[in-house]
N, C-alpha and C. Protein backbone atom coordinates (compact mmCIF):
# COMPACT_ATOMS: atom_id res chain seq x y z
N UNK A 1 2.80 59.68 60.27
CA UNK A 1 2.67 58.76 58.78
C UNK A 1 3.58 58.37 57.96
N UNK A 2 4.74 58.96 58.44
CA UNK A 2 6.08 58.78 58.81
C UNK A 2 6.48 57.10 59.18
N UNK A 3 6.69 57.08 60.45
CA UNK A 3 6.20 55.85 61.13
C UNK A 3 4.88 54.94 60.67
N UNK A 4 4.30 55.32 60.32
CA UNK A 4 2.83 54.60 59.81
C UNK A 4 3.04 53.89 58.47
N UNK A 5 4.43 54.04 58.07
CA UNK A 5 4.36 53.70 56.60
C UNK A 5 5.82 53.07 56.41
N UNK A 6 6.54 53.28 57.47
CA UNK A 6 7.74 52.67 57.98
C UNK A 6 7.98 52.77 56.35
N UNK A 7 8.82 54.49 56.39
CA UNK A 7 9.33 55.19 55.87
C UNK A 7 10.82 56.49 56.38
N UNK A 8 11.05 56.44 58.01
CA UNK A 8 11.91 56.32 58.51
C UNK A 8 11.38 56.49 59.87
N UNK A 9 12.01 57.50 60.71
CA UNK A 9 11.49 57.85 62.26
C UNK A 9 11.12 59.42 62.23
N UNK A 10 10.27 59.51 62.57
CA UNK A 10 9.87 61.09 63.20
C UNK A 10 10.39 61.56 64.66
N UNK A 11 11.37 62.33 64.81
CA UNK A 11 12.18 63.53 66.89
C UNK A 11 12.00 64.53 66.13
N UNK A 12 11.76 64.32 67.88
CA UNK A 12 11.02 65.97 68.04
C UNK A 12 11.78 66.80 68.43
N UNK A 13 11.93 67.88 67.94
CA UNK A 13 13.54 68.84 68.50
C UNK A 13 13.26 68.74 69.24
N UNK A 14 15.45 69.21 69.70
CA UNK A 14 15.68 69.00 71.33
C UNK A 14 15.68 67.97 71.96
N UNK A 15 15.47 66.53 71.45
CA UNK A 15 15.62 65.19 71.99
C UNK A 15 16.63 64.66 71.59
N UNK A 16 17.82 64.81 72.03
CA UNK A 16 18.49 64.07 71.25
C UNK A 16 18.85 62.58 71.70
N UNK A 17 18.15 62.16 72.80
CA UNK A 17 18.51 60.77 73.09
C UNK A 17 17.37 60.08 72.12
N UNK A 18 16.32 61.31 71.69
CA UNK A 18 15.72 59.90 71.01
C UNK A 18 16.36 60.09 69.63
N UNK A 19 16.92 61.60 68.94
CA UNK A 19 17.91 61.19 67.75
C UNK A 19 18.47 60.31 67.54
N UNK A 20 19.46 60.05 68.99
CA UNK A 20 20.42 58.94 69.02
C UNK A 20 19.27 57.66 68.92
N UNK A 21 18.81 57.09 69.06
CA UNK A 21 18.15 55.67 68.97
C UNK A 21 17.63 55.68 67.82
N UNK A 22 17.01 56.94 67.06
CA UNK A 22 17.14 56.86 65.61
C UNK A 22 17.82 56.53 64.39
N UNK A 23 19.09 56.43 65.39
CA UNK A 23 20.40 57.10 64.23
C UNK A 23 20.78 55.09 64.43
N UNK A 24 20.38 54.55 65.67
CA UNK A 24 20.72 52.90 66.46
C UNK A 24 19.77 52.00 65.11
N UNK A 25 18.36 52.70 64.94
CA UNK A 25 17.71 51.64 64.54
C UNK A 25 18.16 52.13 63.75
N UNK A 26 18.06 53.38 62.18
CA UNK A 26 19.14 53.27 61.21
C UNK A 26 19.39 52.44 60.44
N UNK A 27 20.90 52.65 61.53
CA UNK A 27 21.86 51.65 61.77
C UNK A 27 21.66 50.00 61.37
N UNK A 28 20.41 49.62 62.52
CA UNK A 28 19.75 48.04 62.29
C UNK A 28 19.74 48.20 61.53
N UNK A 29 19.20 48.27 60.69
CA UNK A 29 18.18 48.56 59.91
C UNK A 29 18.92 49.31 58.27
N UNK A 30 20.08 48.86 58.00
CA UNK A 30 20.42 49.24 56.98
C UNK A 30 20.77 48.61 56.24
N UNK A 31 20.18 47.28 55.62
CA UNK A 31 20.07 46.34 54.45
C UNK A 31 18.30 47.15 53.83
N UNK A 32 17.72 47.20 54.99
CA UNK A 32 16.62 47.75 54.64
C UNK A 32 15.86 49.52 53.67
N UNK A 33 16.78 50.25 54.45
CA UNK A 33 16.92 51.53 54.36
C UNK A 33 16.92 51.69 52.94
N UNK A 34 17.25 51.01 51.99
CA UNK A 34 16.99 51.12 50.57
C UNK A 34 15.80 50.62 49.85
N UNK A 35 14.84 49.99 50.85
CA UNK A 35 13.05 49.57 50.97
C UNK A 35 12.85 50.91 51.62
N UNK A 36 13.13 51.16 51.80
CA UNK A 36 12.46 52.57 52.55
C UNK A 36 12.27 53.49 51.86
N UNK A 37 12.82 53.92 51.19
CA UNK A 37 13.45 55.17 50.39
C UNK A 37 12.47 54.88 49.51
N UNK A 38 12.28 53.71 48.66
CA UNK A 38 11.45 53.41 47.44
C UNK A 38 9.93 53.56 48.28
N UNK A 39 9.38 53.11 49.39
CA UNK A 39 7.91 53.92 49.69
C UNK A 39 8.09 54.79 50.21
N UNK A 40 9.18 55.64 50.03
CA UNK A 40 8.90 56.94 51.02
C UNK A 40 8.89 57.94 49.15
N UNK A 41 9.58 57.22 48.36
CA UNK A 41 9.94 57.84 47.60
C UNK A 41 7.62 58.08 46.47
N UNK A 42 7.57 56.82 46.86
CA UNK A 42 6.06 55.74 46.70
C UNK A 42 5.10 56.88 46.46
N UNK A 43 5.16 56.93 48.32
CA UNK A 43 4.23 57.85 49.03
C UNK A 43 4.37 59.74 48.57
N UNK A 44 5.23 60.08 48.69
CA UNK A 44 5.46 61.25 47.93
C UNK A 44 4.84 62.13 46.78
N UNK A 45 4.84 60.42 45.72
CA UNK A 45 4.67 60.62 44.28
C UNK A 45 2.77 60.36 43.72
N UNK A 46 2.71 59.04 45.03
CA UNK A 46 0.81 58.59 45.11
C UNK A 46 0.19 60.07 46.23
N UNK A 47 0.87 60.08 47.59
CA UNK A 47 -0.84 61.07 48.51
C UNK A 47 0.07 62.47 48.46
N UNK A 48 1.25 62.47 48.40
CA UNK A 48 1.62 63.71 48.25
C UNK A 48 1.74 64.66 47.40
N UNK A 49 1.81 64.21 45.76
CA UNK A 49 1.98 64.94 45.25
C UNK A 49 1.26 65.63 44.98
N UNK A 50 1.32 66.88 44.20
CA UNK A 50 0.86 68.70 43.53
C UNK A 50 -1.11 67.92 42.93
N UNK A 51 -0.47 66.85 42.30
CA UNK A 51 -1.65 66.45 41.90
C UNK A 51 -2.75 66.34 42.57
N UNK A 52 -2.14 65.23 43.73
CA UNK A 52 -2.71 64.79 44.97
C UNK A 52 -3.84 66.09 45.57
N UNK A 53 -2.88 66.45 45.93
CA UNK A 53 -3.25 67.77 46.56
C UNK A 53 -4.83 68.81 45.74
N UNK A 54 -4.33 68.43 44.93
CA UNK A 54 -5.58 68.84 44.48
C UNK A 54 -6.25 68.28 44.28
N UNK A 55 -6.84 67.32 43.39
CA UNK A 55 -7.69 66.63 44.39
C UNK A 55 -8.32 66.06 45.49
N UNK A 56 -7.25 66.36 46.18
CA UNK A 56 -8.15 66.72 47.59
C UNK A 56 -9.12 67.13 47.49
N UNK A 57 -8.60 69.06 47.69
CA UNK A 57 -8.31 70.24 47.92
C UNK A 57 -10.07 70.49 46.70
N UNK A 58 -10.04 69.70 46.05
CA UNK A 58 -11.44 69.84 44.91
C UNK A 58 -12.16 68.64 45.59
N UNK A 59 -11.98 68.05 46.07
CA UNK A 59 -13.14 66.69 46.45
C UNK A 59 -13.65 68.23 48.25
N UNK A 60 -12.72 68.47 48.49
CA UNK A 60 -13.11 69.32 49.51
C UNK A 60 -14.35 69.96 49.60
N UNK A 61 -14.22 71.07 48.31
CA UNK A 61 -14.41 71.91 47.90
C UNK A 61 -16.18 71.55 47.01
N UNK A 62 -16.21 69.96 47.18
CA UNK A 62 -17.30 69.79 46.03
C UNK A 62 -18.58 69.85 47.52
């Protein structure tokens, strides 16, 4: 989800090298971070909102 929507980086726990790589990638995309934040907010509001979750649950039960 995070990487598919280009809204950030997912780093597994206890993987410092992968964390360092993600930080370097963020620094390399510093100009794009505001847009990534906007996409993340839009995804949260539309796909992962309480209302969206209820609608999905309703469809599941139907």
